[in-house]
Amino acid sequence: MNELAEVEAADLDNVRVVRVSGEIDLSNAHDVLESIGEAVRSGATAIVVDLSGVTFLDSSGISMLFRLHERIGYSRQELRLVVPLASPIRRVLELTRISDVIPLHESLDG
């Protein structure tokens, strides 16, 4: 994958948590999507993508999240995003109204 971002996955109860850190832009959005896709093939009923460590997200990254929602929907899995209020990407996600499609949470706890 592009050096700008890292993707790590772990199971927490019946939820697959995928942590993404770094920057997501045109140069790596496709690779990040593929990495997340590979990480969620666990049969979990819910997928949480933790974007707490993402420092930059452009329109390619936003598009990637919508495509991820589509993919996961085909598997009848639930997708949620974790983006703390203080995150540099929170405002961008709010402006795009992504929460109309994918629930946004401030932390893994809620």
Protein backbone atom coordinates (compact mmCIF):
# COMPACT_ATOMS: atom_id res chain seq x y z
CA MET A 1 0.00 0.00 0.00
CA ASN A 2 0.96 3.61 -0.40
CA GLU A 3 3.11 4.87 2.46
CA LEU A 4 0.61 7.63 3.26
CA ALA A 5 -1.83 5.36 5.08
CA GLU A 6 -1.87 2.17 7.14
CA VAL A 7 -4.76 -0.24 7.69
CA GLU A 8 -4.94 -2.65 10.64
CA ALA A 9 -7.82 -4.90 11.64
CA ALA A 10 -8.89 -6.71 14.80
CA ASP A 11 -12.02 -8.35 16.16
CA LEU A 12 -13.83 -6.87 19.14
CA ASP A 13 -16.65 -9.24 20.15
CA ASN A 14 -18.65 -9.76 16.90
CA VAL A 15 -17.43 -6.52 15.40
CA ARG A 16 -14.53 -6.20 12.99
CA VAL A 17 -12.62 -2.99 13.79
CA VAL A 18 -10.47 -1.61 10.99
CA ARG A 19 -8.12 1.20 12.02
CA VAL A 20 -6.88 3.54 9.33
CA SER A 21 -4.13 6.06 9.99
CA GLY A 22 -2.30 8.60 7.88
CA GLU A 23 -3.58 10.41 4.80
CA ILE A 24 -6.18 9.29 2.26
CA ASP A 25 -6.09 11.04 -1.09
CA LEU A 26 -6.21 10.34 -4.82
CA SER A 27 -2.86 8.55 -4.72
CA ASN A 28 -3.97 5.84 -2.28
CA ALA A 29 -7.78 5.84 -1.87
CA HIS A 30 -8.17 2.76 -4.07
CA ASP A 31 -5.46 0.88 -2.15
CA VAL A 32 -7.03 1.83 1.19
CA LEU A 33 -10.42 0.60 -0.04
CA GLU A 34 -8.91 -2.71 -1.14
CA SER A 35 -7.06 -3.12 2.18
CA ILE A 36 -10.22 -2.46 4.16
CA GLY A 37 -12.13 -4.86 1.89
CA GLU A 38 -9.61 -7.61 2.56
CA ALA A 39 -9.73 -6.92 6.29
CA VAL A 40 -13.53 -7.21 6.56
CA ARG A 41 -13.91 -10.65 5.07
CA SER A 42 -14.27 -12.03 8.58
CA GLY A 43 -17.99 -12.76 8.54
CA ALA A 44 -18.58 -10.11 11.22
CA THR A 45 -22.06 -8.65 11.27
CA ALA A 46 -20.75 -5.14 11.94
CA ILE A 47 -17.74 -3.31 10.59
CA VAL A 48 -16.29 -0.26 12.34
CA VAL A 49 -13.78 1.81 10.44
CA ASP A 50 -11.83 3.83 12.96
CA LEU A 51 -10.59 6.99 11.24
CA SER A 52 -9.21 8.53 14.44
CA GLY A 53 -5.69 8.37 13.05
CA VAL A 54 -6.50 9.89 9.66
CA THR A 55 -4.97 13.35 9.33
CA PHE A 56 -6.09 14.21 5.79
CA LEU A 57 -9.02 13.13 3.63
CA ASP A 58 -9.81 14.55 0.20
CA SER A 59 -12.76 13.94 -2.12
CA SER A 60 -11.22 10.63 -3.26
CA GLY A 61 -11.30 9.47 0.36
CA ILE A 62 -14.92 10.55 0.74
CA SER A 63 -15.82 8.66 -2.43
CA MET A 64 -13.93 5.64 -1.11
CA LEU A 65 -16.08 5.62 2.04
CA PHE A 66 -19.29 5.69 -0.02
CA ARG A 67 -17.99 2.81 -2.17
CA LEU A 68 -17.07 0.89 0.98
CA HIS A 69 -20.61 1.39 2.28
CA GLU A 70 -21.96 -0.03 -0.98
CA ARG A 71 -19.65 -3.07 -0.86
CA ILE A 72 -20.44 -3.86 2.75
CA GLY A 73 -24.15 -3.44 2.08
CA TYR A 74 -23.99 -6.25 -0.47
CA SER A 75 -22.80 -8.54 2.33
CA ARG A 76 -25.60 -7.31 4.62
CA GLN A 77 -23.05 -6.05 7.11
CA GLU A 78 -23.45 -2.85 9.09
CA LEU A 79 -20.83 -0.13 8.63
CA ARG A 80 -19.99 2.56 11.18
CA LEU A 81 -17.26 5.19 11.24
CA VAL A 82 -15.34 6.43 14.27
CA VAL A 83 -14.22 10.04 13.91
CA PRO A 84 -13.56 12.05 17.10
CA LEU A 85 -14.95 15.58 17.27
CA ALA A 86 -11.41 17.00 17.37
CA SER A 87 -10.32 15.05 14.29
CA PRO A 88 -9.06 17.17 11.38
CA ILE A 89 -11.37 15.24 9.02
CA ARG A 90 -14.56 15.49 11.10
CA ARG A 91 -15.74 18.76 9.55
CA VAL A 92 -15.19 17.47 6.01
CA LEU A 93 -17.32 14.41 6.75
CA GLU A 94 -20.04 16.56 8.30
CA LEU A 95 -20.10 18.89 5.27
CA THR A 96 -20.52 15.94 2.91
CA ARG A 97 -23.37 14.64 5.09
CA ILE A 98 -21.86 11.19 5.08
CA SER A 99 -23.69 10.53 8.35
CA ASP A 100 -26.93 10.43 6.32
CA VAL A 101 -25.60 7.16 4.91
CA ILE A 102 -22.99 5.88 7.39
CA PRO A 103 -23.34 6.46 11.16
CA LEU A 104 -20.55 8.60 12.66
CA HIS A 105 -19.39 7.96 16.22
CA GLU A 106 -16.93 9.88 18.38
CA SER A 107 -15.29 6.75 19.80
CA LEU A 108 -15.38 2.97 19.65
CA ASP A 109 -17.60 3.00 22.75
CA GLY A 110 -20.40 4.93 21.21
